[in-house]
Protein backbone atom coordinates (compact mmCIF):
# COMPACT_ATOMS: atom_id res chain seq x y z
CA MET A 1 43.07 -48.25 -37.89
CA THR A 2 41.60 -49.31 -34.53
CA THR A 3 44.34 -47.45 -32.69
CA LEU A 4 43.58 -44.24 -34.67
CA VAL A 5 39.86 -44.46 -33.84
CA LEU A 6 40.64 -44.94 -30.16
CA VAL A 7 43.02 -41.95 -30.16
CA LEU A 8 40.42 -39.70 -31.80
CA THR A 9 37.81 -40.91 -29.33
CA ALA A 10 40.12 -40.16 -26.42
CA VAL A 11 40.82 -36.65 -27.77
CA ALA A 12 37.06 -36.01 -28.17
CA CYS A 13 36.42 -37.15 -24.60
CA GLY A 14 39.23 -34.89 -23.42
CA VAL A 15 37.70 -31.86 -25.13
CA ALA A 16 34.31 -32.71 -23.63
CA THR A 17 35.96 -32.98 -20.21
CA LEU A 18 37.38 -29.46 -20.52
CA VAL A 19 34.04 -27.99 -21.64
CA TRP A 20 32.06 -29.58 -18.81
CA ALA A 21 34.78 -28.68 -16.32
CA ARG A 22 34.46 -25.00 -17.22
CA SER A 23 30.70 -25.20 -16.81
CA ALA A 24 31.07 -26.95 -13.45
CA ARG A 25 33.52 -24.27 -12.26
CA ARG A 26 31.05 -21.49 -13.10
CA LEU A 27 28.15 -23.30 -11.46
CA GLY A 28 30.33 -23.83 -8.41
CA ARG A 29 30.80 -20.07 -8.12
CA VAL A 30 27.04 -19.55 -8.49
CA TYR A 31 26.32 -22.10 -5.78
CA ARG A 32 28.78 -20.51 -3.35
CA ARG A 33 27.33 -17.04 -3.98
CA VAL A 34 23.70 -18.20 -3.55
CA ALA A 35 24.60 -20.17 -0.42
CA ALA A 36 26.30 -17.12 1.07
CA GLU A 37 23.39 -14.79 0.29
CA ARG A 38 20.38 -17.04 1.01
CA GLY A 39 21.76 -19.84 3.15
CA ILE A 40 22.98 -23.29 2.27
CA THR A 41 19.58 -24.87 2.97
CA SER A 42 17.55 -22.48 0.81
CA ASP A 43 15.74 -23.84 -2.26
CA ALA A 44 17.84 -21.68 -4.56
CA ALA A 45 21.07 -23.01 -3.01
CA VAL A 46 19.89 -26.62 -3.24
CA LEU A 47 19.01 -26.22 -6.92
CA ALA A 48 22.33 -24.46 -7.66
CA ARG A 49 24.23 -27.26 -5.90
CA SER A 50 22.29 -29.85 -7.89
CA ALA A 51 23.23 -28.22 -11.20
CA PHE A 52 26.86 -27.99 -10.05
CA ARG A 53 27.00 -31.67 -9.02
CA LYS A 54 25.48 -32.83 -12.31
CA ASP A 55 28.15 -30.97 -14.27
CA VAL A 56 30.85 -32.42 -12.02
CA HIS A 57 29.40 -35.87 -12.63
CA THR A 58 29.44 -35.36 -16.42
CA THR A 59 32.99 -33.99 -16.27
CA THR A 60 34.12 -37.05 -14.31
CA LEU A 61 32.46 -39.42 -16.77
CA TYR A 62 34.17 -37.87 -19.78
CA ALA A 63 37.52 -37.76 -17.94
CA VAL A 64 37.32 -41.45 -17.08
CA LEU A 65 36.36 -42.29 -20.65
CA CYS A 66 39.27 -40.21 -21.96
CA VAL A 67 41.72 -42.04 -19.71
CA ALA A 68 40.24 -45.45 -20.44
CA VAL A 69 40.17 -45.06 -24.20
CA GLY A 70 43.62 -43.46 -24.21
CA ALA A 71 45.04 -46.26 -22.12
CA LEU A 72 43.48 -48.82 -24.42
CA ALA A 73 44.96 -47.08 -27.48
CA VAL A 74 48.53 -47.15 -26.18
CA SER A 75 48.36 -50.48 -24.35
CA THR A 76 50.66 -53.06 -25.81
CA GLY A 77 48.48 -55.79 -24.34
CA ALA A 78 45.20 -54.51 -25.69
CA VAL A 79 44.03 -57.97 -26.66
CA ASP A 80 44.69 -59.50 -23.24
CA GLY A 81 43.97 -56.67 -20.81
CA GLY A 82 42.40 -53.80 -22.74
CA PRO A 83 38.71 -54.68 -22.45
CA GLU A 84 39.02 -55.46 -18.75
CA LEU A 85 40.75 -52.12 -18.16
CA LEU A 86 38.12 -50.25 -20.15
CA PHE A 87 35.30 -52.00 -18.27
CA GLY A 88 36.87 -51.29 -14.89
CA LEU A 89 37.32 -47.58 -15.57
CA ILE A 90 33.82 -47.10 -16.98
CA LEU A 91 32.38 -48.92 -13.97
CA VAL A 92 33.55 -46.07 -11.69
CA PRO A 93 31.23 -43.28 -13.05
CA VAL A 94 28.41 -45.82 -13.34
CA VAL A 95 28.64 -46.57 -9.63
CA VAL A 96 28.84 -42.85 -8.83
CA SER A 97 25.73 -42.23 -10.95
CA VAL A 98 23.77 -44.95 -9.15
CA LEU A 99 24.77 -43.60 -5.74
CA SER A 100 23.84 -40.04 -6.74
CA ALA A 101 20.57 -40.96 -8.43
CA ARG A 102 18.45 -40.60 -5.28
CA ASP A 103 19.74 -37.06 -4.64
CA PHE A 104 19.21 -36.10 -8.27
CA VAL A 105 15.60 -37.36 -8.19
CA ARG A 106 14.90 -35.46 -4.94
CA GLU A 107 16.38 -32.27 -6.35
CA SER A 108 14.41 -32.66 -9.58
CA ARG A 109 11.24 -32.87 -7.49
CA LEU A 110 12.27 -29.69 -5.71
CA ALA A 111 12.77 -28.01 -9.07
CA ASP A 112 9.32 -29.20 -10.17
CA ASP A 113 7.74 -27.87 -6.96
CA ARG A 114 9.54 -24.58 -7.40
CA TYR A 115 8.21 -24.32 -10.96
CA ASP A 116 4.66 -24.89 -9.69
CA ILE A 117 5.11 -22.15 -7.08
CA GLU A 118 6.43 -19.72 -9.69
CA ARG A 119 3.58 -20.61 -12.06
CA ARG A 120 0.99 -19.95 -9.35
CA ALA A 121 2.72 -16.68 -8.52
CA GLU A 122 2.49 -15.65 -12.17
CA GLU A 123 -1.21 -16.52 -12.18
CA VAL A 124 -1.76 -14.34 -9.12
CA LEU A 125 0.12 -11.49 -10.78
CA ASP A 126 -1.99 -11.92 -13.92
CA GLN A 127 -5.16 -11.77 -11.83
CA ASP A 128 -3.91 -8.63 -10.09
CA ARG A 129 -3.20 -7.07 -13.48
CA LEU A 130 -6.54 -8.08 -15.00
CA ALA A 131 -8.70 -7.28 -11.96
CA PRO A 132 -8.88 -3.50 -12.59
CA GLN A 133 -9.81 -4.13 -16.23
CA ARG A 134 -12.57 -6.54 -15.23
CA TRP A 135 -13.94 -4.16 -12.62
CA ALA A 136 -13.92 -1.32 -15.14
CA ALA A 137 -15.76 -3.55 -17.62
CA ARG A 138 -18.53 -4.01 -15.05
CA LEU A 139 -18.71 -0.36 -14.06
CA ALA A 140 -18.17 1.22 -17.47
CA PRO A 141 -18.86 -1.44 -20.13
CA GLU A 142 -17.34 -1.27 -23.59
CA SER A 143 -20.72 -1.86 -25.24
CA LEU A 144 -24.19 -0.68 -24.28
CA PRO A 145 -27.55 -2.12 -25.28
CA THR A 146 -29.25 -0.83 -28.40
CA LEU A 147 -32.15 1.41 -27.44
CA PRO A 148 -34.77 2.01 -30.14
CA GLY A 149 -35.30 5.72 -30.62
CA PHE A 150 -31.95 6.76 -29.10
CA GLU A 151 -28.35 7.27 -30.14
CA VAL A 152 -25.90 6.61 -27.33
CA GLY A 153 -22.29 7.72 -27.03
CA LYS A 154 -19.84 7.03 -24.21
CA VAL A 155 -16.20 7.33 -23.29
CA TYR A 156 -14.34 6.00 -20.29
CA LYS A 157 -10.73 6.73 -19.36
CA ALA A 158 -9.18 5.08 -16.34
CA GLY A 159 -7.11 7.31 -14.10
CA SER A 160 -3.89 6.51 -12.31
CA GLY A 161 -5.59 4.57 -9.51
CA VAL A 162 -5.54 0.79 -9.31
CA MET A 163 -9.33 0.40 -9.29
CA ALA A 164 -12.08 2.46 -10.88
CA GLY A 165 -14.77 4.38 -8.99
CA ASP A 166 -16.72 5.84 -11.93
CA PHE A 167 -19.69 4.04 -13.44
CA PHE A 168 -22.44 4.51 -16.00
CA ASP A 169 -25.42 2.52 -17.21
CA VAL A 170 -28.18 2.71 -19.80
CA TYR A 171 -31.20 0.41 -19.94
CA ASP A 172 -34.76 0.07 -21.13
CA LEU A 173 -37.39 0.25 -18.38
CA GLY A 174 -40.20 -0.76 -20.71
CA ARG A 175 -43.41 1.02 -21.67
CA GLY A 176 -41.56 3.74 -23.54
CA ARG A 177 -39.24 4.59 -20.64
CA VAL A 178 -35.44 4.57 -20.81
CA ALA A 179 -33.05 5.26 -17.93
CA ALA A 180 -29.44 6.45 -17.93
CA ALA A 181 -27.18 6.87 -14.92
CA ILE A 182 -23.65 8.03 -14.24
CA GLY A 183 -21.83 8.22 -10.93
CA ASP A 184 -18.57 8.53 -9.07
CA VAL A 185 -17.41 7.23 -5.68
CA THR A 186 -14.83 9.20 -3.74
CA GLY A 187 -11.45 7.64 -3.20
CA HIS A 188 -9.40 5.04 -5.02
CA GLY A 189 -8.88 1.34 -4.55
CA ILE A 190 -10.94 -1.77 -4.12
CA GLU A 191 -13.41 -0.44 -1.50
CA PRO A 192 -14.74 2.51 -3.56
CA SER A 193 -14.89 0.21 -6.58
CA ILE A 194 -17.08 -2.25 -4.67
CA THR A 195 -19.31 0.61 -3.53
CA ALA A 196 -19.65 1.81 -7.12
CA LEU A 197 -20.69 -1.65 -8.26
CA GLN A 198 -23.27 -1.89 -5.49
CA ALA A 199 -24.69 1.54 -6.31
CA LYS A 200 -24.91 0.77 -10.02
CA TYR A 201 -26.91 -2.41 -9.63
CA LEU A 202 -29.10 -1.11 -6.80
CA LEU A 203 -30.04 1.72 -9.15
CA ARG A 204 -31.25 -0.79 -11.70
CA VAL A 205 -33.48 -2.48 -9.15
CA LEU A 206 -34.88 0.74 -7.72
CA LEU A 207 -35.58 2.32 -11.10
CA GLN A 208 -37.77 -0.68 -11.87
CA GLN A 209 -39.71 -0.09 -8.64
CA TYR A 210 -40.06 3.72 -8.58
CA ARG A 211 -40.88 6.04 -11.46
CA ASP A 212 -39.39 9.16 -9.87
CA PRO A 213 -35.56 9.37 -9.80
CA GLY A 214 -35.70 11.61 -6.71
CA GLN A 215 -37.46 8.83 -4.80
CA VAL A 216 -34.96 6.36 -6.22
CA PHE A 217 -32.14 8.42 -4.70
CA GLU A 218 -33.85 8.53 -1.31
CA GLU A 219 -34.13 4.74 -1.28
CA LEU A 220 -30.59 4.30 -2.59
CA ASN A 221 -29.20 6.73 -0.02
CA ASP A 222 -30.98 4.89 2.79
CA ARG A 223 -29.59 1.52 1.73
CA MET A 224 -26.07 2.70 0.93
CA SER A 225 -25.81 4.70 4.19
CA ALA A 226 -26.52 1.49 6.12
CA LEU A 227 -23.14 0.21 4.92
CA GLU A 228 -21.51 2.73 7.34
CA ARG A 229 -18.57 3.53 5.09
CA LEU A 230 -17.94 6.92 6.63
CA GLU A 231 -15.18 7.98 4.23
CA GLU A 232 -17.09 7.19 1.03
CA PHE A 233 -19.60 9.37 -0.79
CA VAL A 234 -21.32 8.87 -4.13
CA SER A 235 -22.21 11.54 -6.64
CA CYS A 236 -24.78 10.38 -9.15
CA PHE A 237 -26.96 11.69 -11.96
CA VAL A 238 -30.01 9.76 -13.17
CA VAL A 239 -32.29 10.65 -16.06
CA VAL A 240 -35.49 8.88 -17.11
CA PHE A 241 -36.83 9.45 -20.62
CA ASP A 242 -40.52 8.95 -21.32
CA THR A 243 -40.86 8.74 -25.09
CA GLU A 244 -44.66 8.55 -24.96
CA ALA A 245 -44.99 11.71 -22.87
CA GLY A 246 -41.99 13.37 -24.57
CA THR A 247 -40.36 14.26 -21.25
CA LEU A 248 -37.06 14.01 -19.44
CA ARG A 249 -37.05 13.69 -15.64
CA TRP A 250 -33.75 13.91 -13.78
CA ALA A 251 -32.26 13.93 -10.32
CA SER A 252 -28.69 14.80 -9.34
CA ALA A 253 -27.11 13.73 -6.06
CA GLY A 254 -24.25 16.18 -5.72
CA HIS A 255 -23.09 15.41 -9.26
CA PRO A 256 -21.44 17.84 -11.73
CA THR A 257 -23.90 19.77 -13.89
CA ALA A 258 -25.26 17.82 -16.86
CA TRP A 259 -26.32 19.63 -20.04
CA CYS A 260 -29.38 19.29 -22.25
CA TRP A 261 -29.82 20.53 -25.81
CA HIS A 262 -33.54 21.36 -26.19
CA ASP A 263 -35.48 23.93 -28.18
CA ARG A 264 -32.26 25.22 -29.79
CA GLU A 265 -30.77 26.03 -26.39
CA VAL A 266 -28.27 24.39 -24.04
CA GLN A 267 -29.58 24.34 -20.48
CA PRO A 268 -27.95 23.02 -17.28
CA LEU A 269 -29.37 20.13 -15.30
CA GLY A 270 -28.11 20.94 -11.82
CA GLN A 271 -28.10 19.23 -8.46
CA THR A 272 -31.38 18.28 -6.78
CA GLY A 273 -29.94 16.79 -3.60
CA PRO A 274 -26.75 16.11 -1.59
CA LEU A 275 -24.15 13.43 -2.15
CA LEU A 276 -25.34 9.91 -1.45
CA MET A 277 -24.11 8.48 1.87
CA LEU A 278 -23.42 12.00 3.19
CA ASP A 279 -26.63 12.22 5.22
CA PRO A 280 -28.83 9.16 5.85
CA HIS A 281 -31.85 11.49 6.01
CA GLY A 282 -30.94 13.59 2.98
CA ALA A 283 -33.80 14.89 0.85
CA PHE A 284 -33.82 14.42 -2.92
CA THR A 285 -36.15 15.83 -5.56
CA SER A 286 -36.46 15.53 -9.31
CA ARG A 287 -37.31 17.90 -12.14
CA GLU A 288 -38.90 17.41 -15.53
CA ILE A 289 -38.58 19.17 -18.89
CA PRO A 290 -39.79 18.38 -22.42
CA PHE A 291 -37.53 16.17 -24.50
CA ASP A 292 -38.21 16.01 -28.22
CA PRO A 293 -36.64 14.15 -31.16
CA GLY A 294 -33.21 15.67 -31.86
CA ASP A 295 -32.68 16.69 -28.22
CA LEU A 296 -29.55 15.51 -26.42
CA VAL A 297 -28.42 15.00 -22.83
CA LEU A 298 -24.73 15.12 -21.89
CA MET A 299 -23.46 13.86 -18.52
CA TYR A 300 -19.97 13.18 -17.16
CA THR A 301 -17.94 12.60 -13.99
CA ASP A 302 -15.72 15.18 -12.31
CA GLY A 303 -12.54 13.85 -13.94
CA LEU A 304 -13.58 15.80 -17.07
CA ALA A 305 -14.51 19.10 -15.42
CA GLU A 306 -11.49 19.03 -13.10
CA ALA A 307 -8.85 18.62 -15.81
CA ARG A 308 -6.34 21.25 -14.78
CA SER A 309 -3.98 23.66 -16.49
CA GLY A 310 -2.10 25.30 -13.66
CA ASP A 311 -4.79 26.78 -11.40
CA ASP A 312 -7.38 26.84 -14.20
CA LEU A 313 -9.98 24.06 -14.44
CA PHE A 314 -11.53 22.79 -17.66
CA GLY A 315 -14.83 23.46 -15.92
CA GLU A 316 -18.52 22.80 -16.47
CA GLU A 317 -19.10 25.96 -18.52
CA ARG A 318 -16.45 24.99 -21.06
CA ILE A 319 -18.20 21.63 -21.45
CA GLY A 320 -21.55 23.36 -22.03
CA ASN A 321 -19.98 25.71 -24.56
CA MET A 322 -18.57 22.80 -26.56
CA LEU A 323 -22.10 21.41 -26.81
CA ARG A 324 -23.38 24.83 -27.94
CA ARG A 325 -20.80 25.03 -30.72
CA ASP A 326 -21.83 21.70 -32.25
CA PRO A 327 -25.17 20.48 -30.87
CA GLY A 328 -25.77 18.27 -33.90
CA ALA A 329 -22.65 16.15 -33.39
CA ALA A 330 -23.20 12.43 -32.98
CA PRO A 331 -23.17 11.46 -29.28
CA ASP A 332 -20.13 9.23 -29.70
CA VAL A 333 -18.20 11.97 -31.51
CA LEU A 334 -19.19 14.53 -28.88
CA CYS A 335 -17.91 12.34 -26.02
CA LYS A 336 -14.58 11.68 -27.72
CA SER A 337 -14.16 15.35 -28.62
CA LEU A 338 -14.73 16.40 -25.02
CA LEU A 339 -12.14 13.97 -23.71
CA GLU A 340 -9.57 15.08 -26.28
CA ALA A 341 -10.28 18.73 -25.51
CA ALA A 342 -9.71 18.08 -21.80
CA LYS A 343 -6.43 16.29 -22.54
CA ASP A 344 -5.26 19.16 -24.74
CA PHE A 345 -6.28 21.68 -22.07
CA ALA A 346 -4.56 19.92 -19.16
CA SER A 347 -0.93 20.73 -18.47
CA SER A 348 -0.33 17.16 -17.29
CA PRO A 349 -1.93 13.76 -18.00
CA LEU A 350 -5.40 13.22 -16.55
CA THR A 351 -5.01 11.26 -13.32
CA ASP A 352 -8.66 10.89 -12.30
CA ASP A 353 -11.15 8.43 -13.78
CA THR A 354 -13.25 10.11 -16.45
CA ALA A 355 -16.60 8.90 -17.79
CA ILE A 356 -18.76 10.71 -20.36
CA LEU A 357 -22.23 9.64 -21.51
CA ALA A 358 -24.48 11.27 -24.11
CA LEU A 359 -27.93 10.29 -25.40
CA ARG A 360 -29.86 11.81 -28.29
CA ARG A 361 -33.49 11.09 -29.07
CA VAL A 362 -34.00 10.33 -32.76
């Protein structure tokens, strides 16, 4: 019975030897290929060699066990010499393991370091992927504050650029006054995005200091021009609602025409000054019209008006006509309808950032 158990054990060790030998042969090919491509001292080659050596070590261990157990099974002097033979053969892979242990520990540390490097690289890639989303959330937030007496609708669609340059904002100035702003910085990438963020938050500060949006633009233009970013310009539209006086005062710095539904008519709110950062001494004015309950203001960036079908643009007039056809639409519905209409009109996907903002007094 003992002999049968030893034979079966020897056979099992032999099978294990063959399996690990095949694995070692494949890892040997991998190691030679990596060493040839990246150099024998590269991290990848060192790790491939470590995996190969460990499989060779395991193969050797099972081979020795197969021979030892097999020899013990067929030995006629198993009682006198079998245990000593078995001990002597097993001692060989044990000694090899002890001698190789230091190299295995060093290579395991290398593997651990390599994992840390790859993990940090993944974190950097995640940050690169999330950065545009986080910038867009600052420039064109998903949610806007609730403004008593107003319904607000907005839509933002990122273009094909890495970073956004469009922005919008709505906030309560107090004492019955509400401000809304929308803007666009020329160019794509991180620099225009930073400029957009600066312009957005400077607007907040200046609108608290000055009641007239034309004066706000003059101050903003002066401060932004000091940055000396010669290739960047900002188009911007700002409107200030005075619910106590029942008025709307706006200023437009080279921005696409906004539209206002008032007194059963749609009227354009055109430019009142040049692009910001174009001329440090540029002059800006503002205009004022009545704004009653039920009236609506629609503003947008040029990504909407410049949606293209061949040589034909979606255009500002088409935007105004959509407002004429359904002036009673909820602001949120109006913004989404405009974006969908531009997508349907365009012969190719919209590649520019597009922001749309609408406010109705209730």
